[in-house]
Structure formats: C-alpha cells, structure tokens
Amino acid sequence: MRVLLLSAYEAVSHRYWADQLTARLDDIEWVRLSLTPRHFAWRIRGNPLSWWLREHATLSQAFDVVLATSMVDLATLIGLFPHLGQARKIVYFHENQFAYPSSSEQRPPVEAMMVNLYSALAADEVAFNTAFNRDSFIDGAKAFLKKMPDKLPVAAPLEALRRRARVLPVPLETRPGEAASGSSINRIIWNHRWEYDKNPQDFFEVLFQLSQAGVSFELAVVGQRFRDAPAVFDEARERLGAHIHCWGPLEYQQYQALLDEGGIVVSTAWHEFQGLAIMEAAQRGARPLVPARLCFPELYPAAFCYDGTRDGLFERLKGWLEVPESRPPALDLQTFEWPQWQARYRELIVGK
C-alpha cells in the first residue's frame, strides 16, 4: 500500500505524530511531503500551489491513500491532480480554525476556516485528536456559516460528519524506564509555545503572586520560542530571576531529563486541542495542573483541573507547593501510548 502523507504546516506536534505513525506502520510505503511552520496565512492557503510547483512529479504518481493534516487544502489539491481523487482520502485534525479564543491576536482569516471545511467535506474519512476538537469544529462551522448571506442548510451534513468522524489522539511514545524521581517536586514547568494562545500572561501573573507571598518554588520555562514572544516573558525573567532553574528551549535529551525530575506542569491555555506538552510531562511523572476548559476535562481527572481563573490557579499551586502530600498520585498514561492505538490507526488508513 502506498500512502501519501501531507503536512502543510509541520509544527513540532505534527512532526511527532507523522514520525511515529510512519515508524509504527512500517509495512506501508510512505511518501511524505511537508512545509515548514512559518507564514501561517500563506501556508494554509498556498500549500497546493507550493507543492504543485515543487513536487509535481511526486504528486503525479498513483497512491492508494492520501492522508492529509487539516491545514492541507485537499479540495484544491485534488483539483490540480484529479487522479488523487481516486485514492482513499483521510484528513486528520490536530486542531481546527473555528475554535480560536474570541480575543485572539492571531484570529484566523475566513480562508483558513474554509480550507478546514472544504478538506473535511472532500475526505472519505475524518479523524480528530479529541472529541473537543471534533465538536468545536462542527459547532464552529455551523455558527460561522449561519452568518453567511446564502443561509445554507448546513446542519444536516455537518451533523452527519460529526457522527462518522473518528477520535484518535496523537499517541505518546512508550515511556522507557521508571517513573520520575520527583527530586524537584517544587519545580513549576512551562513547556508550551511562547505565544499568546497559550496565555502566558495568566501563568506569570500567578507566579508573581506566589513569589510576593513568599512561597518557595523553582521555575523551568522551556518550550518552543518564536521570533516575537509576548512581552510578559521578558518581564517574568527579570521579576522571577531568583526562582529560575532554566529558561529557553532545551535539546531533546536535556528536556527529557528535566521532565524526569518531576514537578508541576501547568497550562493556562486559551487554545488547546490535546496538549502533547502537558501529556508528555505527565507521562514522565510531573503533576499536570490544567484549566477545566477546552480538551482538558476530557483527558484529565477533576483532581488535576482548576477553575480556569488566576485565583483558582494561585490557590491550587500554593496548596500543592506548600503541602506536596496534597497532590493527587501521578497519572498512568499508558492508555495514550502507541501500543493502545496502533491497531486503530491501521484500521483508519488501511480501511479494514
């Protein structure tokens, strides 16, 4: 079986998923095309043209399956290469463009939403990493299209898509070795992208409060940094200097070693569909503390969720830091590891 795997905006989590998928299903002949995660508006709208110009020979070949991430403009690509329409077409949603926070400085354009929608409608199979992702896509598309002038009767086809869509998380690599040592139980970890939608403002405001209240903690701020990070990162580095254990992206082995030392991994995100960074840290023994919104209530027991406010996060962090015994036991995330999902991914792609 020949499978064409297309990733139009290959962020770290997308590459992680594709690398694991192709390694696990190694009896399939994979052909991968990807584009770097830069210039978002152009990538999501221009990916068919980029590939048409640069990968014409590859895309002119025959494939049994076309597996595309949701940022691929699959409908246009099939128009440019009609023979691809004869393959079995699958779209995998790591995220969707209908679920951005209302005040986002990075709110996606209408074109990005329509790419998501057209790709889903052009596919034979659609899969989402969480039920939250699926439902926010369907509900968001319905609400968006209600505002359009033609008043199209979209509810029935979108509800049909909801019913047939699969929910398949991005699986975790099987964790080697023992659980985290817990040697740094008072370490707070930020391991997300340094961008607005991860809501670093709330995170650091709470840490400023903890520091002012004399609560003992150390801080590891890692994760992917881009050219323009929110200004609060510079403020936090100055104000929290006495607490900082490490600051900035780490090499992979250093990052894994950091996670193995334990601590509390925190999310304040306004925009999250699975949150691999939190899951990977929790898999290695850190205690996740996540807001009770977005995908998190679907993935984490209530003991690991706070109410989503700064006050709520402050109280939970203060309690966990001052009384470590009050923290819930480490999570067992084996149900999210690849051995639990490999057969279902094979079924998705092979169609049996």
Protein backbone atom coordinates (compact mmCIF):
# COMPACT_ATOMS: atom_id res chain seq x y z
CA MET A 1 0.00 0.00 0.00
CA ARG A 2 1.30 3.46 -0.97
CA VAL A 3 0.26 6.33 1.27
CA LEU A 4 0.89 10.00 0.55
CA LEU A 5 1.23 11.87 3.86
CA LEU A 6 0.78 15.62 3.52
CA SER A 7 1.54 18.15 6.27
CA ALA A 8 1.13 21.77 5.21
CA TYR A 9 2.33 23.35 8.46
CA GLU A 10 4.62 20.88 10.16
CA ALA A 11 4.77 22.15 13.72
CA VAL A 12 6.57 20.07 16.34
CA SER A 13 3.49 18.07 17.36
CA HIS A 14 2.60 17.38 13.72
CA ARG A 15 6.09 16.05 13.01
CA TYR A 16 5.99 13.97 16.20
CA TRP A 17 2.73 12.36 15.03
CA ALA A 18 3.97 11.73 11.48
CA ASP A 19 7.31 10.28 12.62
CA GLN A 20 5.63 7.85 15.00
CA LEU A 21 2.93 6.88 12.52
CA THR A 22 5.34 6.05 9.72
CA ALA A 23 7.67 4.18 12.09
CA ARG A 24 4.87 2.12 13.67
CA LEU A 25 3.14 1.19 10.40
CA ASP A 26 6.36 0.32 8.63
CA ASP A 27 4.82 -2.19 6.21
CA ILE A 28 3.23 0.73 4.36
CA GLU A 29 5.17 2.58 1.66
CA TRP A 30 5.06 6.17 2.87
CA VAL A 31 5.70 9.24 0.76
CA ARG A 32 5.85 12.39 2.92
CA LEU A 33 5.56 15.99 1.83
CA SER A 34 5.67 18.79 4.38
CA LEU A 35 6.04 22.56 4.58
CA THR A 36 7.79 24.49 7.33
CA PRO A 37 5.63 26.07 10.07
CA ARG A 38 6.07 29.69 9.01
CA HIS A 39 3.85 32.34 7.41
CA PHE A 40 0.63 30.72 8.59
CA ALA A 41 -1.85 32.59 6.38
CA TRP A 42 0.15 31.79 3.26
CA ARG A 43 0.82 28.18 4.23
CA ILE A 44 -2.82 27.27 4.79
CA ARG A 45 -3.98 28.96 1.59
CA GLY A 46 -0.95 28.44 -0.65
CA ASN A 47 0.11 24.87 0.09
CA PRO A 48 -1.42 23.35 -3.09
CA LEU A 49 0.48 25.87 -5.24
CA SER A 50 3.75 25.28 -3.36
CA TRP A 51 3.50 21.55 -3.91
CA TRP A 52 2.24 21.91 -7.50
CA LEU A 53 5.37 23.90 -8.35
CA ARG A 54 7.91 21.93 -6.30
CA GLU A 55 6.56 18.38 -6.06
CA HIS A 56 4.73 17.94 -9.37
CA ALA A 57 6.46 14.67 -10.19
CA THR A 58 5.68 13.15 -6.78
CA LEU A 59 2.05 14.25 -6.78
CA SER A 60 1.58 12.90 -10.29
CA GLN A 61 2.20 9.36 -9.00
CA ALA A 62 -0.51 6.91 -8.02
CA PHE A 63 -1.37 6.36 -4.35
CA ASP A 64 -3.79 4.11 -2.53
CA VAL A 65 -4.36 6.61 0.28
CA VAL A 66 -3.89 10.35 0.72
CA LEU A 67 -3.55 11.22 4.41
CA ALA A 68 -3.56 14.98 4.98
CA THR A 69 -3.47 17.16 8.07
CA SER A 70 -6.28 19.69 8.39
CA MET A 71 -4.18 22.61 7.15
CA VAL A 72 -3.82 20.95 3.75
CA ASP A 73 -6.17 22.39 1.13
CA LEU A 74 -7.16 18.93 -0.01
CA ALA A 75 -10.03 20.03 -2.23
CA THR A 76 -7.81 22.34 -4.29
CA LEU A 77 -5.03 19.75 -4.45
CA ILE A 78 -7.43 17.22 -5.92
CA GLY A 79 -8.47 19.84 -8.46
CA LEU A 80 -4.83 20.26 -9.51
CA PHE A 81 -4.15 16.50 -9.50
CA PRO A 82 -7.51 14.85 -10.31
CA HIS A 83 -6.14 11.31 -10.12
CA LEU A 84 -5.61 11.81 -6.34
CA GLY A 85 -9.39 11.86 -6.05
CA GLN A 86 -9.36 8.14 -6.85
CA ALA A 87 -7.32 7.40 -3.71
CA ARG A 88 -8.88 6.95 -0.29
CA LYS A 89 -8.74 10.41 1.26
CA ILE A 90 -8.28 10.95 5.01
CA VAL A 91 -7.98 14.23 6.89
CA TYR A 92 -6.51 14.27 10.41
CA PHE A 93 -7.33 17.28 12.57
CA HIS A 94 -4.62 18.24 15.07
CA GLU A 95 -6.59 21.47 15.53
CA ASN A 96 -9.28 23.46 13.76
CA GLN A 97 -9.57 27.08 12.78
CA PHE A 98 -13.05 27.62 14.22
CA ALA A 99 -12.02 27.39 17.89
CA TYR A 100 -9.72 30.35 18.37
CA PRO A 101 -10.36 32.46 21.51
CA SER A 102 -12.56 35.44 20.70
CA SER A 103 -9.90 37.97 21.71
CA SER A 104 -7.04 36.23 19.92
CA GLU A 105 -4.44 38.46 18.34
CA GLN A 106 -3.90 35.64 15.84
CA ARG A 107 -7.51 35.08 14.82
CA PRO A 108 -7.52 33.04 11.60
CA PRO A 109 -8.94 34.51 8.40
CA VAL A 110 -12.11 33.24 6.77
CA GLU A 111 -9.96 31.48 4.16
CA ALA A 112 -8.34 29.28 6.83
CA MET A 113 -11.72 28.21 8.17
CA MET A 114 -12.95 27.37 4.69
CA VAL A 115 -9.84 25.30 3.96
CA ASN A 116 -10.64 23.19 7.03
CA LEU A 117 -14.25 22.82 5.98
CA TYR A 118 -13.65 22.01 2.32
CA SER A 119 -10.95 19.47 3.23
CA ALA A 120 -13.28 17.69 5.66
CA LEU A 121 -16.06 17.58 3.06
CA ALA A 122 -13.68 16.31 0.34
CA ALA A 123 -12.39 13.45 2.52
CA ASP A 124 -13.66 9.90 2.74
CA GLU A 125 -12.60 9.68 6.40
CA VAL A 126 -12.08 12.39 9.01
CA ALA A 127 -10.33 11.92 12.37
CA PHE A 128 -9.79 14.29 15.29
CA ASN A 129 -7.34 14.04 18.18
CA THR A 130 -10.07 14.74 20.77
CA ALA A 131 -13.84 14.93 20.95
CA PHE A 132 -13.43 18.60 21.89
CA ASN A 133 -11.65 19.20 18.60
CA ARG A 134 -14.40 17.41 16.67
CA ASP A 135 -17.24 19.21 18.41
CA SER A 136 -15.67 22.67 18.30
CA PHE A 137 -15.08 22.19 14.57
CA ILE A 138 -18.65 21.10 13.83
CA ASP A 139 -20.28 23.65 16.13
CA GLY A 140 -17.93 26.42 14.98
CA ALA A 141 -18.56 25.69 11.32
CA LYS A 142 -22.33 25.74 11.86
CA ALA A 143 -22.19 29.06 13.73
CA PHE A 144 -19.87 30.58 11.12
CA LEU A 145 -21.99 29.52 8.15
CA LYS A 146 -25.16 30.86 9.76
CA LYS A 147 -23.65 34.33 9.40
CA MET A 148 -23.07 33.92 5.68
CA PRO A 149 -25.52 35.55 3.24
CA ASP A 150 -26.80 32.40 1.49
CA LYS A 151 -28.20 30.81 4.68
CA LEU A 152 -27.13 27.37 3.51
CA PRO A 153 -28.78 24.30 5.10
CA VAL A 154 -25.54 23.03 6.61
CA ALA A 155 -26.76 21.45 9.84
CA ALA A 156 -27.58 18.01 8.42
CA PRO A 157 -24.31 17.38 6.53
CA LEU A 158 -22.22 18.69 9.41
CA GLU A 159 -24.04 16.52 11.95
CA ALA A 160 -23.53 13.54 9.64
CA LEU A 161 -19.81 14.36 9.60
CA ARG A 162 -19.81 14.51 13.42
CA ARG A 163 -21.34 11.03 13.63
CA ARG A 164 -18.90 9.38 11.25
CA ALA A 165 -15.74 11.17 12.44
CA ARG A 166 -13.24 9.15 14.45
CA VAL A 167 -11.48 10.34 17.59
CA LEU A 168 -7.86 9.17 17.63
CA PRO A 169 -5.41 11.04 19.88
CA VAL A 170 -1.83 11.65 18.90
CA PRO A 171 -0.31 8.70 20.80
CA LEU A 172 2.64 9.07 23.10
CA GLU A 173 5.87 7.19 22.64
CA THR A 174 6.13 4.36 25.13
CA ARG A 175 7.98 5.75 28.13
CA PRO A 176 11.17 3.85 28.93
CA GLY A 177 12.36 3.26 32.48
CA GLU A 178 10.80 4.05 35.80
CA ALA A 179 8.58 6.93 36.84
CA ALA A 180 10.08 10.32 37.57
CA SER A 181 12.28 10.58 40.62
CA GLY A 182 10.35 13.54 42.00
CA SER A 183 13.64 15.12 43.09
CA SER A 184 12.33 18.55 42.11
CA ILE A 185 8.80 18.44 43.46
CA ASN A 186 8.65 22.22 43.91
CA ARG A 187 9.56 22.93 40.31
CA ILE A 188 6.91 24.58 38.11
CA ILE A 189 7.27 23.78 34.41
CA TRP A 190 6.10 25.82 31.41
CA ASN A 191 6.75 23.72 28.29
CA HIS A 192 4.44 25.32 25.71
CA ARG A 193 4.92 27.53 22.69
CA TRP A 194 5.75 31.09 23.71
CA GLU A 195 2.64 32.54 22.09
CA TYR A 196 -0.50 34.42 23.01
CA ASP A 197 -2.91 31.49 22.70
CA LYS A 198 -1.09 29.58 25.46
CA ASN A 199 -1.98 32.50 27.78
CA PRO A 200 1.41 33.12 29.43
CA GLN A 201 0.03 36.31 31.00
CA ASP A 202 -2.14 34.42 33.48
CA PHE A 203 0.63 31.93 34.20
CA PHE A 204 3.23 34.55 35.09
CA GLU A 205 0.81 36.80 36.97
CA VAL A 206 0.10 33.86 39.30
CA LEU A 207 3.81 33.21 39.73
CA PHE A 208 4.37 36.87 40.59
CA GLN A 209 1.73 36.45 43.31
CA LEU A 210 3.37 33.27 44.63
CA SER A 211 6.76 34.96 44.77
CA GLN A 212 5.35 38.00 46.57
CA ALA A 213 3.62 35.69 49.07
CA GLY A 214 6.95 34.06 49.90
CA VAL A 215 6.03 30.62 48.51
CA SER A 216 9.11 28.56 47.68
CA PHE A 217 9.35 27.25 44.10
CA GLU A 218 11.72 26.99 41.18
CA LEU A 219 10.79 27.65 37.61
CA ALA A 220 11.60 25.94 34.30
CA VAL A 221 10.41 27.86 31.26
CA VAL A 222 11.11 25.76 28.19
CA GLY A 223 9.08 25.05 25.04
CA GLN A 224 9.26 26.41 21.51
CA ARG A 225 10.16 30.07 21.18
CA PHE A 226 9.48 32.20 18.10
CA ARG A 227 10.92 35.49 16.92
CA ASP A 228 8.22 37.58 18.58
CA ALA A 229 7.30 36.30 22.03
CA PRO A 230 4.77 38.07 24.29
CA ALA A 231 6.42 40.82 26.35
CA VAL A 232 5.49 39.11 29.63
CA PHE A 233 8.33 36.60 29.11
CA ASP A 234 10.96 39.35 29.41
CA GLU A 235 9.16 40.80 32.44
CA ALA A 236 8.98 37.39 34.09
CA ARG A 237 12.63 36.62 33.51
CA GLU A 238 13.54 39.80 35.36
CA ARG A 239 10.99 39.56 38.18
CA LEU A 240 11.35 35.82 38.81
CA GLY A 241 15.12 35.57 38.39
CA ALA A 242 15.65 34.15 41.89
CA HIS A 243 13.33 31.24 41.09
CA ILE A 244 14.62 30.30 37.63
CA HIS A 245 16.15 26.86 37.14
CA CYS A 246 16.28 27.07 33.34
CA TRP A 247 14.96 29.44 30.69
CA GLY A 248 14.54 28.78 26.98
CA PRO A 249 14.35 25.76 24.67
CA LEU A 250 16.41 22.69 25.56
CA GLU A 251 17.95 19.93 23.50
CA TYR A 252 15.71 16.87 23.45
CA GLN A 253 17.76 14.79 25.89
CA GLN A 254 18.04 17.69 28.32
CA TYR A 255 14.31 18.26 28.07
CA GLN A 256 13.53 14.62 28.83
CA ALA A 257 15.90 14.71 31.80
CA LEU A 258 14.13 17.82 33.09
CA LEU A 259 10.75 16.10 32.91
CA ASP A 260 12.13 13.04 34.69
CA GLU A 261 12.95 15.21 37.70
CA GLY A 262 9.26 15.77 38.34
CA GLY A 263 7.41 18.85 39.48
CA ILE A 264 4.18 20.52 38.39
CA VAL A 265 3.46 21.17 34.73
CA VAL A 266 0.93 23.95 34.24
CA SER A 267 -1.35 25.07 31.43
CA THR A 268 -3.28 28.32 31.28
CA ALA A 269 -4.13 27.89 27.58
CA TRP A 270 -6.99 29.57 25.77
CA HIS A 271 -6.42 27.37 22.74
CA GLU A 272 -5.62 23.66 23.06
CA PHE A 273 -6.88 20.54 21.32
CA GLN A 274 -4.84 17.81 23.01
CA GLY A 275 -1.81 19.39 24.63
CA LEU A 276 1.05 16.97 23.94
CA ALA A 277 3.48 19.00 26.04
CA ILE A 278 1.34 18.53 29.15
CA MET A 279 0.74 14.85 28.39
CA GLU A 280 4.41 14.09 27.85
CA ALA A 281 5.36 15.74 31.15
CA ALA A 282 2.56 13.92 32.99
CA GLN A 283 3.62 10.64 31.40
CA ARG A 284 7.04 11.08 32.97
CA GLY A 285 5.66 11.79 36.43
CA ALA A 286 5.05 15.54 36.67
CA ARG A 287 1.66 16.51 38.10
CA PRO A 288 -0.43 18.32 35.49
CA LEU A 289 -2.48 21.32 36.59
CA VAL A 290 -4.82 22.36 33.77
CA PRO A 291 -7.86 24.63 33.36
CA ALA A 292 -11.29 23.00 33.32
CA ARG A 293 -11.95 24.06 29.73
CA LEU A 294 -11.14 23.08 26.14
CA CYS A 295 -9.92 19.48 25.80
CA PHE A 296 -8.65 19.12 29.37
CA PRO A 297 -11.75 17.78 31.19
CA GLU A 298 -11.91 15.05 28.55
CA LEU A 299 -8.33 13.98 29.21
CA TYR A 300 -7.64 14.59 32.93
CA PRO A 301 -9.48 13.67 36.14
CA ALA A 302 -11.01 16.58 38.06
CA ALA A 303 -8.23 16.41 40.68
CA PHE A 304 -5.82 17.83 38.10
CA CYS A 305 -8.11 20.65 36.92
CA TYR A 306 -8.55 24.13 38.38
CA ASP A 307 -11.41 26.50 37.57
CA GLY A 308 -9.55 28.37 34.85
CA THR A 309 -9.10 31.64 36.78
CA ARG A 310 -5.94 33.23 38.12
CA ASP A 311 -7.28 32.97 41.67
CA GLY A 312 -8.09 29.31 41.16
CA LEU A 313 -4.62 28.56 39.82
CA PHE A 314 -2.96 30.51 42.63
CA GLU A 315 -4.80 28.59 45.34
CA ARG A 316 -4.12 25.18 43.80
CA LEU A 317 -0.45 25.88 43.13
CA LYS A 318 0.07 27.35 46.60
CA GLY A 319 -1.50 24.28 48.18
CA TRP A 320 0.49 21.83 46.08
CA LEU A 321 3.76 23.66 46.72
CA GLU A 322 3.32 24.11 50.47
CA VAL A 323 1.82 20.65 51.08
CA PRO A 324 3.21 18.26 48.44
CA GLU A 325 1.23 15.40 50.01
CA SER A 326 -1.97 17.16 48.87
CA ARG A 327 -1.17 16.45 45.23
CA PRO A 328 -3.01 13.57 43.57
CA PRO A 329 -0.94 10.50 42.64
CA ALA A 330 0.95 10.52 39.36
CA LEU A 331 -1.17 9.70 36.32
CA ASP A 332 -0.87 6.44 34.44
CA LEU A 333 -0.99 7.45 30.78
CA GLN A 334 -0.35 4.05 29.24
CA THR A 335 -3.78 4.24 27.62
CA PHE A 336 -2.42 7.09 25.45
CA GLU A 337 0.72 5.26 24.36
CA TRP A 338 1.17 3.83 20.87
CA PRO A 339 0.51 0.14 21.64
CA GLN A 340 -3.08 1.08 22.59
CA TRP A 341 -3.73 2.92 19.31
CA GLN A 342 -1.68 1.22 16.62
CA ALA A 343 -4.45 -1.14 15.51
CA ARG A 344 -6.97 1.69 15.26
CA TYR A 345 -4.62 3.80 13.18
CA ARG A 346 -4.06 0.84 10.88
CA GLU A 347 -7.83 0.46 10.56
CA LEU A 348 -8.16 4.16 9.71
CA ILE A 349 -5.54 4.02 6.96
CA VAL A 350 -5.99 0.54 5.56
CA GLY A 351 -9.78 0.74 5.81
CA LYS A 352 -10.39 -2.68 7.35
